[in-house]
C-alpha atoms as a PDB file:
ATOM      1  CA  MET A   1     223.068 -18.464   8.134  1.00  0.00           C
ATOM      2  CA  ALA A   2     224.937 -18.093   4.831  1.00  0.00           C
ATOM      3  CA  LEU A   3     224.615 -21.837   4.241  1.00  0.00           C
ATOM      4  CA  LEU A   4     220.838 -21.576   4.714  1.00  0.00           C
ATOM      5  CA  LYS A   5     220.633 -18.734   2.150  1.00  0.00           C
ATOM      6  CA  ILE A   6     222.663 -20.765  -0.346  1.00  0.00           C
ATOM      7  CA  ALA A   7     220.414 -23.798   0.192  1.00  0.00           C
ATOM      8  CA  ARG A   8     217.283 -21.671  -0.358  1.00  0.00           C
ATOM      9  CA  LEU A   9     218.764 -20.084  -3.484  1.00  0.00           C
ATOM     10  CA  LEU A  10     219.742 -23.511  -4.830  1.00  0.00           C
ATOM     11  CA  ALA A  11     216.239 -24.863  -4.120  1.00  0.00           C
ATOM     12  CA  PHE A  12     214.701 -21.846  -5.897  1.00  0.00           C
ATOM     13  CA  VAL A  13     216.957 -22.248  -8.946  1.00  0.00           C
ATOM     14  CA  LEU A  14     216.209 -25.980  -9.125  1.00  0.00           C
ATOM     15  CA  ALA A  15     212.460 -25.342  -8.841  1.00  0.00           C
ATOM     16  CA  LEU A  16     212.650 -22.659 -11.527  1.00  0.00           C
ATOM     17  CA  GLY A  17     214.633 -24.956 -13.806  1.00  0.00           C
ATOM     18  CA  THR A  18     212.185 -27.819 -13.317  1.00  0.00           C
ATOM     19  CA  THR A  19     209.242 -25.521 -14.072  1.00  0.00           C
ATOM     20  CA  ALA A  20     210.940 -24.224 -17.219  1.00  0.00           C
ATOM     21  CA  VAL A  21     211.691 -27.757 -18.414  1.00  0.00           C
ATOM     22  CA  ARG A  22     208.117 -28.829 -17.685  1.00  0.00           C
ATOM     23  CA  ALA A  23     206.783 -25.782 -19.606  1.00  0.00           C
ATOM     24  CA  GLN A  24     209.009 -26.633 -22.578  1.00  0.00           C
ATOM     25  CA  VAL A  25     207.762 -30.236 -22.589  1.00  0.00           C
ATOM     26  CA  VAL A  26     204.107 -29.092 -22.470  1.00  0.00           C
ATOM     27  CA  ALA A  27     204.726 -26.465 -25.181  1.00  0.00           C
ATOM     28  CA  GLY A  28     206.434 -29.110 -27.330  1.00  0.00           C
ATOM     29  CA  GLU A  29     203.580 -31.550 -26.751  1.00  0.00           C
ATOM     30  CA  TYR A  30     200.929 -29.040 -27.814  1.00  0.00           C
ATOM     31  CA  GLN A  31     203.013 -27.883 -30.752  1.00  0.00           C
ATOM     32  CA  ILE A  32     202.917 -31.468 -32.036  1.00  0.00           C
ATOM     33  CA  LYS A  33     199.180 -31.730 -31.329  1.00  0.00           C
ATOM     34  CA  ALA A  34     198.625 -28.442 -33.207  1.00  0.00           C
ATOM     35  CA  ALA A  35     200.556 -29.890 -36.155  1.00  0.00           C
ATOM     36  CA  PHE A  36     198.229 -32.901 -36.113  1.00  0.00           C
ATOM     37  CA  LEU A  37     195.193 -30.578 -36.233  1.00  0.00           C
ATOM     38  CA  GLN A  38     196.745 -28.675 -39.124  1.00  0.00           C
ATOM     39  CA  ASN A  39     197.471 -31.866 -41.081  1.00  0.00           C
ATOM     40  CA  PHE A  40     194.364 -33.991 -40.388  1.00  0.00           C
ATOM     41  CA  PRO A  41     192.403 -32.256 -43.215  1.00  0.00           C
ATOM     42  CA  LYS A  42     194.805 -33.793 -45.742  1.00  0.00           C
ATOM     43  CA  PHE A  43     193.544 -37.237 -44.718  1.00  0.00           C
ATOM     44  CA  VAL A  44     189.835 -36.614 -44.176  1.00  0.00           C
ATOM     45  CA  GLU A  45     187.034 -35.991 -46.664  1.00  0.00           C
ATOM     46  CA  TRP A  46     184.065 -33.867 -45.687  1.00  0.00           C
ATOM     47  CA  PRO A  47     181.234 -34.481 -48.186  1.00  0.00           C
ATOM     48  CA  SER A  48     179.857 -31.027 -47.341  1.00  0.00           C
ATOM     49  CA  LEU A  49     183.052 -29.332 -48.620  1.00  0.00           C
ATOM     50  CA  GLN A  50     183.574 -29.160 -52.347  1.00  0.00           C
ATOM     51  CA  GLU A  51     187.153 -29.969 -53.250  1.00  0.00           C
ATOM     52  CA  GLY A  52     189.012 -26.881 -54.424  1.00  0.00           C
ATOM     53  CA  GLY A  53     186.353 -24.567 -53.007  1.00  0.00           C
ATOM     54  CA  ALA A  54     187.170 -21.403 -51.122  1.00  0.00           C
ATOM     55  CA  THR A  55     184.916 -22.160 -48.142  1.00  0.00           C
ATOM     56  CA  PRO A  56     187.015 -22.071 -44.947  1.00  0.00           C
ATOM     57  CA  LEU A  57     187.723 -25.331 -43.159  1.00  0.00           C
ATOM     58  CA  VAL A  58     186.980 -24.347 -39.574  1.00  0.00           C
ATOM     59  CA  ILE A  59     188.946 -25.704 -36.624  1.00  0.00           C
ATOM     60  CA  GLY A  60     187.163 -25.060 -33.346  1.00  0.00           C
ATOM     61  CA  VAL A  61     188.699 -25.282 -29.883  1.00  0.00           C
ATOM     62  CA  VAL A  62     186.070 -25.926 -27.213  1.00  0.00           C
ATOM     63  CA  GLY A  63     186.951 -24.840 -23.694  1.00  0.00           C
ATOM     64  CA  ASP A  64     190.371 -23.913 -22.356  1.00  0.00           C
ATOM     65  CA  ASP A  65     192.848 -23.407 -25.190  1.00  0.00           C
ATOM     66  CA  PRO A  66     196.028 -25.410 -24.493  1.00  0.00           C
ATOM     67  CA  PHE A  67     197.604 -24.162 -27.740  1.00  0.00           C
ATOM     68  CA  GLY A  68     197.729 -20.445 -26.966  1.00  0.00           C
ATOM     69  CA  PRO A  69     198.607 -18.396 -30.071  1.00  0.00           C
ATOM     70  CA  MET A  70     200.596 -21.310 -31.550  1.00  0.00           C
ATOM     71  CA  LEU A  71     197.729 -22.999 -33.453  1.00  0.00           C
ATOM     72  CA  ALA A  72     196.499 -19.711 -34.961  1.00  0.00           C
ATOM     73  CA  ALA A  73     200.025 -18.875 -36.120  1.00  0.00           C
ATOM     74  CA  MET A  74     200.539 -22.385 -37.477  1.00  0.00           C
ATOM     75  CA  ILE A  75     197.409 -22.381 -39.660  1.00  0.00           C
ATOM     76  CA  HIS A  76     197.630 -18.736 -40.790  1.00  0.00           C
ATOM     77  CA  GLY A  77     197.647 -18.689 -44.596  1.00  0.00           C
ATOM     78  CA  VAL A  78     197.447 -22.501 -44.840  1.00  0.00           C
ATOM     79  CA  THR A  79     194.965 -24.191 -47.175  1.00  0.00           C
ATOM     80  CA  SER A  80     193.830 -27.789 -47.522  1.00  0.00           C
ATOM     81  CA  ASN A  81     192.388 -28.824 -50.891  1.00  0.00           C
ATOM     82  CA  GLY A  82     191.889 -25.129 -51.625  1.00  0.00           C
ATOM     83  CA  HIS A  83     190.106 -24.415 -48.337  1.00  0.00           C
ATOM     84  CA  PRO A  84     191.754 -21.853 -46.053  1.00  0.00           C
ATOM     85  CA  LEU A  85     192.044 -23.075 -42.477  1.00  0.00           C
ATOM     86  CA  ALA A  86     190.285 -20.888 -39.891  1.00  0.00           C
ATOM     87  CA  LEU A  87     190.277 -21.040 -36.097  1.00  0.00           C
ATOM     88  CA  VAL A  88     187.440 -20.288 -33.663  1.00  0.00           C
ATOM     89  CA  HIS A  89     187.245 -20.582 -29.881  1.00  0.00           C
ATOM     90  CA  LEU A  90     184.013 -21.874 -28.408  1.00  0.00           C
ATOM     91  CA  HIS A  91     182.215 -22.921 -25.249  1.00  0.00           C
ATOM     92  CA  TRP A  92     180.508 -26.304 -24.956  1.00  0.00           C
ATOM     93  CA  ASN A  93     177.037 -24.776 -25.340  1.00  0.00           C
ATOM     94  CA  ASP A  94     177.863 -22.619 -28.394  1.00  0.00           C
ATOM     95  CA  ARG A  95     176.727 -23.499 -31.909  1.00  0.00           C
ATOM     96  CA  LEU A  96     179.273 -26.125 -32.990  1.00  0.00           C
ATOM     97  CA  THR A  97     177.832 -27.168 -36.346  1.00  0.00           C
ATOM     98  CA  ASP A  98     179.986 -24.716 -38.331  1.00  0.00           C
ATOM     99  CA  CYS A  99     183.193 -26.528 -37.321  1.00  0.00           C
ATOM    100  CA  HIS A 100     184.838 -29.168 -39.471  1.00  0.00           C
ATOM    101  CA  ILE A 101     187.415 -30.112 -36.833  1.00  0.00           C
ATOM    102  CA  LEU A 102     186.573 -29.723 -33.177  1.00  0.00           C
ATOM    103  CA  PHE A 103     189.292 -29.997 -30.522  1.00  0.00           C
ATOM    104  CA  ILE A 104     187.647 -30.666 -27.165  1.00  0.00           C
ATOM    105  CA  SER A 105     189.718 -29.488 -24.234  1.00  0.00           C
ATOM    106  CA  ALA A 106     189.985 -31.471 -21.010  1.00  0.00           C
ATOM    107  CA  SER A 107     188.115 -28.627 -19.273  1.00  0.00           C
ATOM    108  CA  GLU A 108     184.968 -29.675 -21.168  1.00  0.00           C
ATOM    109  CA  ILE A 109     185.026 -33.444 -20.633  1.00  0.00           C
ATOM    110  CA  ASN A 110     181.960 -33.259 -18.354  1.00  0.00           C
ATOM    111  CA  HIS A 111     179.994 -31.883 -21.321  1.00  0.00           C
ATOM    112  CA  LEU A 112     181.234 -34.483 -23.817  1.00  0.00           C
ATOM    113  CA  PRO A 113     177.804 -35.972 -24.708  1.00  0.00           C
ATOM    114  CA  GLN A 114     176.372 -32.510 -25.420  1.00  0.00           C
ATOM    115  CA  ILE A 115     179.417 -31.487 -27.477  1.00  0.00           C
ATOM    116  CA  LEU A 116     179.405 -34.671 -29.569  1.00  0.00           C
ATOM    117  CA  SER A 117     175.680 -34.352 -30.276  1.00  0.00           C
ATOM    118  CA  GLY A 118     176.111 -30.635 -31.043  1.00  0.00           C
ATOM    119  CA  ALA A 119     178.768 -31.341 -33.681  1.00  0.00           C
ATOM    120  CA  PRO A 120     177.386 -34.352 -35.551  1.00  0.00           C
ATOM    121  CA  ASN A 121     179.461 -33.810 -38.714  1.00  0.00           C
ATOM    122  CA  ALA A 122     182.750 -32.613 -37.196  1.00  0.00           C
ATOM    123  CA  LEU A 123     186.016 -34.490 -36.889  1.00  0.00           C
ATOM    124  CA  THR A 124     186.148 -34.516 -33.097  1.00  0.00           C
ATOM    125  CA  VAL A 125     189.615 -34.571 -31.541  1.00  0.00           C
ATOM    126  CA  SER A 126     190.749 -34.542 -27.921  1.00  0.00           C
ATOM    127  CA  ASP A 127     193.598 -35.575 -25.688  1.00  0.00           C
ATOM    128  CA  CYS A 128     191.239 -36.709 -22.922  1.00  0.00           C
ATOM    129  CA  ALA A 129     191.693 -40.302 -21.815  1.00  0.00           C
ATOM    130  CA  SER A 130     189.375 -42.825 -23.520  1.00  0.00           C
ATOM    131  CA  PHE A 131     187.981 -40.135 -25.848  1.00  0.00           C
ATOM    132  CA  ALA A 132     187.790 -42.461 -28.858  1.00  0.00           C
ATOM    133  CA  ARG A 133     186.134 -45.158 -26.732  1.00  0.00           C
ATOM    134  CA  ARG A 134     183.564 -42.591 -25.553  1.00  0.00           C
ATOM    135  CA  GLY A 135     182.387 -41.689 -29.057  1.00  0.00           C
ATOM    136  CA  GLY A 136     184.991 -39.143 -30.158  1.00  0.00           C
ATOM    137  CA  ILE A 137     186.769 -39.705 -33.463  1.00  0.00           C
ATOM    138  CA  ILE A 138     190.471 -39.055 -32.807  1.00  0.00           C
ATOM    139  CA  GLU A 139     192.137 -39.326 -29.420  1.00  0.00           C
ATOM    140  CA  LEU A 140     195.625 -37.813 -29.168  1.00  0.00           C
ATOM    141  CA  ARG A 141     197.731 -39.447 -26.469  1.00  0.00           C
ATOM    142  CA  LYS A 142     201.250 -39.755 -25.229  1.00  0.00           C
ATOM    143  CA  SER A 143     203.037 -43.044 -25.710  1.00  0.00           C
ATOM    144  CA  GLY A 144     206.456 -42.767 -24.154  1.00  0.00           C
ATOM    145  CA  ASN A 145     207.930 -39.550 -25.528  1.00  0.00           C
ATOM    146  CA  ARG A 146     205.729 -39.550 -28.635  1.00  0.00           C
ATOM    147  CA  ILE A 147     202.264 -38.256 -29.425  1.00  0.00           C
ATOM    148  CA  ARG A 148     200.166 -40.996 -31.023  1.00  0.00           C
ATOM    149  CA  PHE A 149     196.484 -41.263 -31.787  1.00  0.00           C
ATOM    150  CA  ASP A 150     193.563 -43.669 -31.754  1.00  0.00           C
ATOM    151  CA  ILE A 151     190.664 -43.459 -34.211  1.00  0.00           C
ATOM    152  CA  ASN A 152     187.048 -44.504 -33.744  1.00  0.00           C
ATOM    153  CA  ILE A 153     186.069 -45.290 -37.342  1.00  0.00           C
ATOM    154  CA  ALA A 154     182.412 -45.942 -36.420  1.00  0.00           C
ATOM    155  CA  SER A 155     182.115 -42.396 -35.053  1.00  0.00           C
ATOM    156  CA  ALA A 156     183.736 -41.039 -38.226  1.00  0.00           C
ATOM    157  CA  ARG A 157     181.219 -42.919 -40.383  1.00  0.00           C
ATOM    158  CA  ARG A 158     178.316 -41.569 -38.294  1.00  0.00           C
ATOM    159  CA  ALA A 159     179.698 -38.064 -38.875  1.00  0.00           C
ATOM    160  CA  GLY A 160     179.727 -38.732 -42.620  1.00  0.00           C
ATOM    161  CA  LEU A 161     183.524 -38.428 -42.795  1.00  0.00           C
ATOM    162  CA  ARG A 162     185.893 -40.548 -44.824  1.00  0.00           C
ATOM    163  CA  ILE A 163     189.282 -41.077 -43.215  1.00  0.00           C
ATOM    164  CA  SER A 164     192.161 -42.026 -45.480  1.00  0.00           C
ATOM    165  CA  SER A 165     193.642 -45.484 -45.104  1.00  0.00           C
ATOM    166  CA  LYS A 166     197.006 -43.707 -44.721  1.00  0.00           C
ATOM    167  CA  LEU A 167     195.823 -42.008 -41.535  1.00  0.00           C
ATOM    168  CA  LEU A 168     194.169 -45.188 -40.283  1.00  0.00           C
ATOM    169  CA  GLY A 169     197.463 -47.004 -40.870  1.00  0.00           C
ATOM    170  CA  LEU A 170     199.296 -44.513 -38.648  1.00  0.00           C
ATOM    171  CA  ALA A 171     196.830 -44.890 -35.772  1.00  0.00           C
ATOM    172  CA  MET A 172     197.905 -46.777 -32.695  1.00  0.00           C
ATOM    173  CA  ASN A 173     194.399 -48.275 -32.353  1.00  0.00           C
ATOM    174  CA  VAL A 174     191.381 -48.207 -34.667  1.00  0.00           C
ATOM    175  CA  TYR A 175     188.060 -48.823 -32.953  1.00  0.00           C
ATOM    176  CA  ASP A 176     184.884 -49.764 -34.789  1.00  0.00           C
ATOM    177  CA  PHE A 177     182.169 -49.292 -32.198  1.00  0.00           C
ATOM    178  CA  GLY A 178     179.759 -46.637 -30.975  1.00  0.00           C
ATOM    179  CA  GLN A 179     179.726 -44.579 -27.821  1.00  0.00           C
ATOM    180  CA  GLY A 180     180.648 -46.252 -24.595  1.00  0.00           C
ATOM    181  CA  GLY A 181     181.159 -49.801 -25.819  1.00  0.00           C
ATOM    182  CA  ALA A 182     183.531 -52.277 -27.315  1.00  0.00           C
ATOM    183  CA  GLY A 183     182.986 -53.666 -30.745  1.00  0.00           C
END
Protein backbone atom coordinates (compact mmCIF):
# COMPACT_ATOMS: atom_id res chain seq x y z
CA MET A 1 0.00 0.00 0.00
CA ALA A 2 2.78 2.45 0.90
CA LEU A 3 4.57 1.59 -2.35
CA LEU A 4 1.40 2.42 -4.30
CA LYS A 5 1.13 5.83 -2.56
CA ILE A 6 4.77 6.59 -3.35
CA ALA A 7 4.26 5.61 -7.00
CA ARG A 8 1.18 7.87 -7.25
CA LEU A 9 3.02 10.76 -5.60
CA LEU A 10 5.99 10.29 -7.93
CA ALA A 11 3.67 10.20 -10.97
CA PHE A 12 1.94 13.39 -9.76
CA VAL A 13 5.26 15.20 -9.21
CA LEU A 14 6.53 14.12 -12.63
CA ALA A 15 3.29 15.25 -14.30
CA LEU A 16 3.45 18.58 -12.47
CA GLY A 17 7.08 19.06 -13.46
CA THR A 18 6.36 18.25 -17.11
CA THR A 19 3.44 20.70 -17.14
CA ALA A 20 5.58 23.43 -15.59
CA VAL A 21 8.36 22.85 -18.12
CA ARG A 22 5.85 22.88 -20.98
CA ALA A 23 4.33 26.15 -19.65
CA GLN A 24 7.79 27.72 -19.45
CA VAL A 25 8.55 26.69 -23.04
CA VAL A 26 5.23 28.14 -24.29
CA ALA A 27 5.74 31.34 -22.25
CA GLY A 28 9.27 31.65 -23.66
CA GLU A 29 8.01 31.06 -27.19
CA TYR A 30 5.35 33.77 -26.94
CA GLN A 31 7.75 36.14 -25.23
CA ILE A 32 9.96 35.88 -28.32
CA LYS A 33 6.96 36.29 -30.63
CA ALA A 34 5.89 39.38 -28.65
CA ALA A 35 9.40 40.79 -29.10
CA PHE A 36 9.05 40.27 -32.85
CA LEU A 37 5.75 42.21 -32.83
CA GLN A 38 7.38 45.00 -30.84
CA ASN A 39 10.34 45.23 -33.23
CA PHE A 40 8.69 44.73 -36.65
CA PRO A 41 7.74 48.46 -36.87
CA LYS A 42 11.45 49.32 -37.05
CA PHE A 43 11.64 47.46 -40.36
CA VAL A 44 8.32 48.36 -41.98
CA GLU A 45 7.11 51.61 -43.53
CA TRP A 46 3.43 52.49 -43.45
CA PRO A 47 2.78 55.27 -46.00
CA SER A 48 -0.26 56.31 -43.95
CA LEU A 49 1.93 57.12 -40.91
CA GLN A 50 4.00 60.27 -41.03
CA GLU A 51 7.48 59.66 -39.69
CA GLY A 52 7.97 61.33 -36.32
CA GLY A 53 4.24 61.81 -35.85
CA ALA A 54 2.48 61.17 -32.58
CA THR A 55 -0.26 58.96 -34.06
CA PRO A 56 -0.24 55.59 -32.26
CA LEU A 57 0.98 52.54 -34.15
CA VAL A 58 -1.73 50.04 -33.26
CA ILE A 59 -1.02 46.35 -32.73
CA GLY A 60 -4.19 44.29 -32.77
CA VAL A 61 -4.57 40.73 -31.51
CA VAL A 62 -7.50 38.95 -33.18
CA GLY A 63 -9.00 36.05 -31.26
CA ASP A 64 -7.51 34.22 -28.30
CA ASP A 65 -4.56 36.14 -26.86
CA PRO A 66 -1.58 33.78 -26.46
CA PHE A 67 0.55 36.62 -25.03
CA GLY A 68 -1.47 37.37 -21.90
CA PRO A 69 -0.31 40.60 -20.23
CA MET A 70 3.24 40.14 -21.58
CA LEU A 71 2.79 42.00 -24.90
CA ALA A 72 1.04 44.97 -23.26
CA ALA A 73 3.83 45.24 -20.69
CA MET A 74 6.50 44.89 -23.37
CA ILE A 75 5.18 47.73 -25.55
CA HIS A 76 4.17 50.08 -22.70
CA GLY A 77 5.96 53.40 -23.23
CA VAL A 78 7.71 52.17 -26.41
CA THR A 79 7.75 54.29 -29.57
CA SER A 80 8.75 53.52 -33.14
CA ASN A 81 9.74 56.48 -35.33
CA GLY A 82 7.98 58.72 -32.81
CA HIS A 83 4.77 56.68 -32.80
CA PRO A 84 3.72 55.20 -29.45
CA LEU A 85 2.83 51.53 -29.70
CA ALA A 86 -0.73 50.67 -28.62
CA LEU A 87 -2.45 47.32 -28.17
CA VAL A 88 -6.07 46.35 -28.88
CA HIS A 89 -7.86 43.01 -28.66
CA LEU A 90 -10.37 42.20 -31.37
CA HIS A 91 -12.71 39.59 -32.78
CA TRP A 92 -12.54 38.52 -36.42
CA ASN A 93 -15.67 40.50 -37.33
CA ASP A 94 -14.62 43.75 -35.60
CA ARG A 95 -13.40 46.80 -37.50
CA LEU A 96 -9.76 45.94 -38.23
CA THR A 97 -8.77 48.88 -40.42
CA ASP A 98 -7.37 50.92 -37.51
CA CYS A 99 -4.60 48.37 -36.89
CA HIS A 100 -1.12 48.70 -38.33
CA ILE A 101 0.00 45.26 -37.15
CA LEU A 102 -2.53 42.49 -36.79
CA PHE A 103 -1.62 39.26 -34.99
CA ILE A 104 -4.12 36.57 -35.99
CA SER A 105 -4.50 33.86 -33.38
CA ALA A 106 -4.90 30.20 -34.30
CA SER A 107 -8.44 30.37 -32.90
CA GLU A 108 -9.41 32.56 -35.88
CA ILE A 109 -7.85 30.60 -38.74
CA ASN A 110 -11.31 29.62 -40.07
CA HIS A 111 -12.02 33.33 -40.59
CA LEU A 112 -8.70 34.10 -42.30
CA PRO A 113 -10.15 35.33 -45.64
CA GLN A 114 -12.50 37.74 -43.86
CA ILE A 115 -9.74 39.01 -41.56
CA LEU A 116 -7.27 39.58 -44.40
CA SER A 117 -9.87 41.44 -46.46
CA GLY A 118 -10.93 43.44 -43.38
CA ALA A 119 -7.37 44.65 -42.77
CA PRO A 120 -6.11 45.51 -46.25
CA ASN A 121 -3.32 47.84 -45.08
CA ALA A 122 -2.14 46.00 -41.95
CA LEU A 123 1.04 44.01 -41.46
CA THR A 124 -0.64 40.67 -40.82
CA VAL A 125 1.24 38.25 -38.58
CA SER A 126 0.37 34.77 -37.33
CA ASP A 127 1.93 31.57 -36.13
CA CYS A 128 -0.60 29.43 -38.00
CA ALA A 129 0.90 26.92 -40.41
CA SER A 130 1.15 28.11 -44.03
CA PHE A 131 -0.05 31.61 -43.08
CA ALA A 132 2.31 33.37 -45.50
CA ARG A 133 1.34 30.97 -48.29
CA ARG A 134 -2.34 31.72 -47.60
CA GLY A 135 -1.99 35.48 -48.11
CA GLY A 136 -0.72 36.65 -44.72
CA ILE A 137 2.43 38.76 -44.62
CA ILE A 138 4.58 37.33 -41.81
CA GLU A 139 4.36 33.78 -40.53
CA LEU A 140 6.13 33.10 -37.23
CA ARG A 141 7.20 29.48 -36.86
CA LYS A 142 9.39 27.22 -34.83
CA SER A 143 12.49 25.80 -36.45
CA GLY A 144 14.19 23.53 -33.97
CA ASN A 145 14.43 25.54 -30.76
CA ARG A 146 14.25 28.90 -32.54
CA ILE A 147 11.43 31.14 -33.69
CA ARG A 148 11.89 32.09 -37.34
CA PHE A 149 9.63 33.76 -39.85
CA ASP A 150 8.56 33.67 -43.47
CA ILE A 151 7.45 36.76 -45.40
CA ASN A 152 5.02 37.04 -48.29
CA ILE A 153 6.35 40.15 -50.04
CA ALA A 154 3.49 40.20 -52.58
CA SER A 155 0.96 40.49 -49.74
CA ALA A 156 3.03 43.29 -48.19
CA ARG A 157 3.05 45.19 -51.50
CA ARG A 158 -0.74 44.78 -51.83
CA ALA A 159 -1.08 46.24 -48.33
CA GLY A 160 1.02 49.23 -49.41
CA LEU A 161 3.80 48.35 -46.95
CA ARG A 162 7.52 48.57 -47.53
CA ILE A 163 9.54 45.94 -45.70
CA SER A 164 13.21 46.66 -45.09
CA SER A 165 15.76 44.53 -46.89
CA LYS A 166 17.26 43.88 -43.44
CA LEU A 167 14.08 42.14 -42.31
CA LEU A 168 13.74 40.30 -45.61
CA GLY A 169 17.33 39.10 -45.19
CA LEU A 170 16.48 37.60 -41.80
CA ALA A 171 13.46 35.70 -43.12
CA MET A 172 13.70 31.96 -43.51
CA ASN A 173 11.62 32.13 -46.72
CA VAL A 174 10.42 35.08 -48.80
CA TYR A 175 7.42 34.35 -50.99
CA ASP A 176 6.35 36.54 -53.90
CA PHE A 177 2.88 35.29 -54.74
CA GLY A 178 -0.74 36.00 -53.88
CA GLN A 179 -3.21 34.07 -51.79
CA GLY A 180 -3.26 30.34 -52.08
CA GLY A 181 -0.64 29.85 -54.77
CA ALA A 182 3.00 29.46 -55.55
CA GLY A 183 4.86 32.06 -57.49
